[in-house]
Amino acid sequence: MRKVAFFDIDGTLFRWQLYHELIFELKNMEKFSSDEISQIDRAFLGWQSRNKPWREYENTIFDIFEKKLTDISLDDIVLASKKVVERSGHKIHNYTFKLLKDLQKKDYFIVAISGSGQGIVEAFAKLYDIDKCIGHLYEIIDGKFSGKTKRYTFNRKAEIVREVVESENLTLKDSIAIGDSYGDIGMLELVDNPIAFNPSKELLETAQQNGWKIVIDRKDIAYTLENQNGSIILAKTDEF
């Protein structure tokens, strides 16, 4: 049985968010109305200027995208995904990229789990020879988006981990998972070696409570923090 490693993509391997890039590419392709474009731009500027919280911005653009999806062709989504990956697929974190390559050399089965859409997740995962990728899956009927979702990944990562381990005949012995947000906690709880990467407040608190490894990636240095006797100490630095 092969050992397994689970990677979150958005904010963990990829430096930004694939679905945000996809939405803005569709905006550039004029697939949204002028009013929808104004809403997207206002939400983005509100977050950038710190006048709106991240979650409000994220919910705004995601709601616009999902409501518009039935009016956007599958071909346009494929084209936009291709453009995003070609333009931005190289924008990855040094630490997680090195971890990915090291684990591939050790013959780990690599799984990417993301809240971004399955199509763009597949395009990104292909760049890095990831064995299996699981993203948010929208229903397609007769080549068109129906407006319904076939598979959610948000808050289901623990369930997905169990499903993949069983279906691919993998072992959780020496397993690894890395993620950056609250939604990754369930996945991290199931593996032998969880890593909280540039963690959100909620994930940082959980990592500290459970003694998980914490990694802060900044420019060309990654700082690894570990729990020793109830205290968080700097255990290692990696330069890239």
Protein backbone atom coordinates (compact mmCIF):
# COMPACT_ATOMS: atom_id res chain seq x y z
CA MET A 1 0.00 0.00 0.00
CA ARG A 2 1.36 3.41 -0.98
CA LYS A 3 1.74 6.22 1.48
CA VAL A 4 -0.31 9.33 0.81
CA ALA A 5 0.00 13.10 1.08
CA PHE A 6 -2.88 15.57 0.84
CA PHE A 7 -2.38 19.13 -0.38
CA ASP A 8 -4.76 22.03 -0.26
CA ILE A 9 -4.18 24.20 -3.34
CA ASP A 10 -5.51 27.74 -2.85
CA GLY A 11 -3.17 29.64 -0.55
CA THR A 12 -1.13 26.51 0.16
CA LEU A 13 0.51 25.27 -3.03
CA PHE A 14 -0.82 28.06 -5.26
CA ARG A 15 -0.03 31.53 -3.92
CA TRP A 16 -3.51 32.90 -4.64
CA GLN A 17 -6.93 31.37 -5.31
CA LEU A 18 -7.62 29.51 -8.54
CA TYR A 19 -11.33 30.29 -8.55
CA HIS A 20 -10.66 34.00 -8.01
CA GLU A 21 -8.31 33.98 -10.99
CA LEU A 22 -10.96 32.14 -13.01
CA ILE A 23 -13.67 34.67 -12.16
CA PHE A 24 -11.44 37.59 -13.09
CA GLU A 25 -10.44 35.91 -16.35
CA LEU A 26 -14.12 35.46 -17.20
CA LYS A 27 -14.59 39.13 -16.39
CA ASN A 28 -11.80 39.99 -18.84
CA MET A 29 -13.56 37.81 -21.42
CA GLU A 30 -16.70 39.94 -20.86
CA LYS A 31 -18.82 37.04 -19.62
CA PHE A 32 -20.41 39.18 -16.89
CA SER A 33 -22.78 42.12 -17.27
CA SER A 34 -21.56 45.66 -16.57
CA ASP A 35 -23.46 45.64 -13.27
CA GLU A 36 -21.89 42.31 -12.25
CA ILE A 37 -18.44 43.62 -13.18
CA SER A 38 -19.03 46.70 -11.02
CA GLN A 39 -20.04 44.51 -8.08
CA ILE A 40 -16.93 42.34 -8.49
CA ASP A 41 -14.64 45.37 -8.72
CA ARG A 42 -16.23 47.11 -5.71
CA ALA A 43 -15.93 43.96 -3.62
CA PHE A 44 -12.29 43.50 -4.59
CA LEU A 45 -11.35 47.13 -3.91
CA GLY A 46 -13.26 47.03 -0.62
CA TRP A 47 -11.22 44.06 0.53
CA GLN A 48 -7.92 45.47 -0.78
CA SER A 49 -8.48 48.73 1.10
CA ARG A 50 -9.38 46.74 4.24
CA ASN A 51 -12.88 48.22 4.31
CA LYS A 52 -14.47 44.79 3.85
CA PRO A 53 -13.46 41.46 5.37
CA TRP A 54 -12.08 38.71 3.15
CA ARG A 55 -15.11 36.48 3.66
CA GLU A 56 -17.54 39.18 2.49
CA TYR A 57 -15.48 39.79 -0.66
CA GLU A 58 -15.19 36.07 -1.34
CA ASN A 59 -18.90 35.43 -0.86
CA THR A 60 -19.81 38.34 -3.15
CA ILE A 61 -17.79 37.23 -6.15
CA PHE A 62 -18.62 33.56 -5.65
CA ASP A 63 -22.37 34.28 -5.53
CA ILE A 64 -22.12 36.30 -8.76
CA PHE A 65 -20.19 33.50 -10.44
CA GLU A 66 -22.60 30.74 -9.42
CA LYS A 67 -25.67 32.72 -10.49
CA LYS A 68 -24.06 33.43 -13.86
CA LEU A 69 -22.73 29.93 -14.47
CA THR A 70 -25.72 28.66 -16.46
CA ASP A 71 -25.15 31.49 -18.96
CA ILE A 72 -21.47 30.64 -19.46
CA SER A 73 -20.53 27.86 -21.86
CA LEU A 74 -18.37 24.92 -20.86
CA ASP A 75 -15.96 25.90 -23.64
CA ASP A 76 -15.53 29.35 -22.09
CA ILE A 77 -14.78 27.85 -18.67
CA VAL A 78 -12.22 25.49 -20.22
CA LEU A 79 -10.60 28.36 -22.14
CA ALA A 80 -10.52 30.64 -19.09
CA SER A 81 -9.04 27.86 -16.95
CA LYS A 82 -6.36 27.22 -19.56
CA LYS A 83 -5.45 30.92 -19.66
CA VAL A 84 -5.23 31.15 -15.87
CA VAL A 85 -2.98 28.12 -15.52
CA GLU A 86 -0.74 29.19 -18.41
CA ARG A 87 -0.39 32.69 -16.96
CA SER A 88 -0.31 31.99 -13.23
CA GLY A 89 0.25 28.27 -12.65
CA HIS A 90 3.89 28.91 -11.76
CA LYS A 91 2.95 31.18 -8.83
CA ILE A 92 3.52 28.67 -6.06
CA HIS A 93 4.96 28.68 -2.56
CA ASN A 94 8.56 27.51 -2.27
CA TYR A 95 8.00 25.36 0.82
CA THR A 96 5.01 23.43 -0.46
CA PHE A 97 6.54 22.95 -3.91
CA LYS A 98 9.70 21.49 -2.36
CA LEU A 99 7.60 19.27 -0.08
CA LEU A 100 5.61 18.06 -3.09
CA LYS A 101 8.75 17.16 -5.05
CA ASP A 102 10.37 15.44 -2.06
CA LEU A 103 7.28 13.31 -1.46
CA GLN A 104 7.01 12.40 -5.14
CA LYS A 105 10.60 11.15 -5.04
CA LYS A 106 9.57 8.95 -2.09
CA ASP A 107 6.69 7.55 -4.19
CA TYR A 108 3.92 9.09 -2.13
CA PHE A 109 0.49 9.15 -3.76
CA ILE A 110 -0.27 12.86 -4.03
CA VAL A 111 -3.84 14.13 -3.66
CA ALA A 112 -4.93 17.74 -4.12
CA ILE A 113 -8.24 18.77 -2.55
CA SER A 114 -9.59 22.22 -3.39
CA GLY A 115 -12.67 24.37 -3.12
CA SER A 116 -12.01 25.63 -6.65
CA GLY A 117 -13.83 24.07 -9.60
CA GLN A 118 -12.80 20.63 -10.81
CA GLY A 119 -11.81 21.84 -14.28
CA ILE A 120 -9.28 24.44 -13.21
CA VAL A 121 -8.02 22.18 -10.41
CA GLU A 122 -7.31 19.44 -12.97
CA ALA A 123 -5.47 21.87 -15.24
CA PHE A 124 -3.32 23.07 -12.35
CA ALA A 125 -2.67 19.59 -10.94
CA LYS A 126 -1.49 18.37 -14.34
CA LEU A 127 1.35 20.92 -14.23
CA TYR A 128 2.79 19.25 -11.14
CA ASP A 129 2.11 15.57 -11.86
CA ILE A 130 -0.35 15.28 -8.98
CA ASP A 131 -1.87 11.79 -8.89
CA LYS A 132 -5.45 12.72 -8.00
CA CYS A 133 -7.28 16.01 -7.67
CA ILE A 134 -10.69 16.68 -6.22
CA GLY A 135 -12.43 20.03 -6.62
CA HIS A 136 -15.92 21.49 -6.46
CA LEU A 137 -17.90 19.72 -9.18
CA TYR A 138 -20.79 21.37 -10.99
CA GLU A 139 -23.42 19.32 -12.80
CA ILE A 140 -23.21 19.38 -16.59
CA ILE A 141 -26.16 18.28 -18.74
CA ASP A 142 -25.89 18.16 -22.54
CA GLY A 143 -22.66 20.16 -22.40
CA LYS A 144 -24.12 22.96 -20.27
CA PHE A 145 -23.96 23.83 -16.58
CA SER A 146 -27.28 23.06 -14.92
CA GLY A 147 -26.74 25.37 -11.93
CA LYS A 148 -26.54 22.43 -9.53
CA THR A 149 -23.55 21.03 -7.67
CA LYS A 150 -22.61 17.34 -7.89
CA ARG A 151 -19.82 17.47 -5.31
CA TYR A 152 -18.91 19.91 -2.56
CA THR A 153 -15.44 19.96 -1.02
CA PHE A 154 -15.86 22.75 1.52
CA ASN A 155 -16.05 21.28 5.04
CA ARG A 156 -15.92 17.78 3.51
CA LYS A 157 -12.17 17.24 3.34
CA ALA A 158 -12.09 14.63 6.12
CA GLU A 159 -14.76 12.61 4.31
CA ILE A 160 -12.87 12.96 1.03
CA VAL A 161 -9.63 11.78 2.66
CA ARG A 162 -11.34 8.60 3.87
CA GLU A 163 -12.92 7.99 0.46
CA VAL A 164 -9.61 8.40 -1.39
CA VAL A 165 -7.67 6.18 1.00
CA GLU A 166 -10.23 3.41 0.52
CA SER A 167 -10.73 3.76 -3.24
CA GLU A 168 -7.00 3.99 -4.04
CA ASN A 169 -5.96 1.31 -1.51
CA LEU A 170 -3.62 3.66 0.37
CA THR A 171 -2.31 3.68 3.91
CA LEU A 172 -2.51 6.54 6.39
CA LYS A 173 0.70 5.35 8.06
CA ASP A 174 3.25 8.19 7.75
CA SER A 175 0.60 10.23 5.92
CA ILE A 176 1.01 13.97 5.46
CA ALA A 177 -1.45 16.81 4.91
CA ILE A 178 -0.89 20.53 4.50
CA GLY A 179 -3.42 23.34 4.45
CA ASP A 180 -3.87 26.98 5.37
CA SER A 181 -7.43 27.51 6.59
CA TYR A 182 -10.27 26.41 8.83
CA GLY A 183 -11.64 24.20 6.06
CA ASP A 184 -8.49 22.06 6.15
CA ILE A 185 -8.72 21.10 9.83
CA GLY A 186 -10.73 17.91 9.24
CA MET A 187 -8.15 16.71 6.70
CA LEU A 188 -5.23 17.55 8.98
CA GLU A 189 -6.78 15.71 11.93
CA LEU A 190 -6.70 12.39 10.06
CA VAL A 191 -3.02 12.19 9.09
CA ASP A 192 0.13 11.31 11.01
CA ASN A 193 1.95 14.50 9.99
CA PRO A 194 -0.31 17.56 9.74
CA ILE A 195 1.18 20.89 8.66
CA ALA A 196 -0.56 24.23 9.19
CA PHE A 197 0.84 26.45 6.44
CA ASN A 198 0.57 30.25 6.74
CA PRO A 199 -2.47 29.43 8.88
CA SER A 200 -5.63 31.45 9.34
CA LYS A 201 -6.52 32.44 12.90
CA GLU A 202 -8.81 29.42 13.37
CA LEU A 203 -6.27 26.96 11.99
CA LEU A 204 -3.43 28.51 14.01
CA GLU A 205 -5.38 28.08 17.23
CA THR A 206 -6.20 24.46 16.38
CA ALA A 207 -2.59 23.72 15.40
CA GLN A 208 -1.32 25.15 18.69
CA GLN A 209 -3.85 23.16 20.70
CA ASN A 210 -2.90 19.92 18.95
CA GLY A 211 0.85 20.46 18.72
CA TRP A 212 0.89 20.42 14.91
CA LYS A 213 3.79 21.70 12.86
CA ILE A 214 3.31 25.31 11.75
CA VAL A 215 5.13 26.72 8.72
CA ILE A 216 5.33 30.39 7.79
CA ASP A 217 6.53 30.96 4.22
CA ARG A 218 7.86 34.44 3.52
CA LYS A 219 9.67 35.38 0.31
CA ASP A 220 12.73 33.10 0.15
CA ILE A 221 12.59 31.71 3.71
CA ALA A 222 10.21 29.26 5.40
CA TYR A 223 10.05 29.18 9.20
CA THR A 224 9.01 25.89 10.82
CA LEU A 225 7.48 26.24 14.30
CA GLU A 226 6.97 23.24 16.57
CA ASN A 227 5.40 22.64 19.96
CA GLN A 228 7.88 21.67 22.66
CA ASN A 229 6.61 21.27 26.22
CA GLY A 230 3.68 23.55 25.57
CA SER A 231 5.72 26.31 23.95
CA ILE A 232 5.93 27.18 20.25
CA ILE A 233 9.57 27.41 19.18
CA LEU A 234 11.38 28.07 15.92
CA ALA A 235 12.59 24.60 14.98
CA LYS A 236 13.96 25.15 11.49
CA THR A 237 14.46 27.63 8.67
CA ASP A 238 14.58 26.72 4.99
CA GLU A 239 16.04 29.09 2.41
CA PHE A 240 15.06 28.92 -1.25
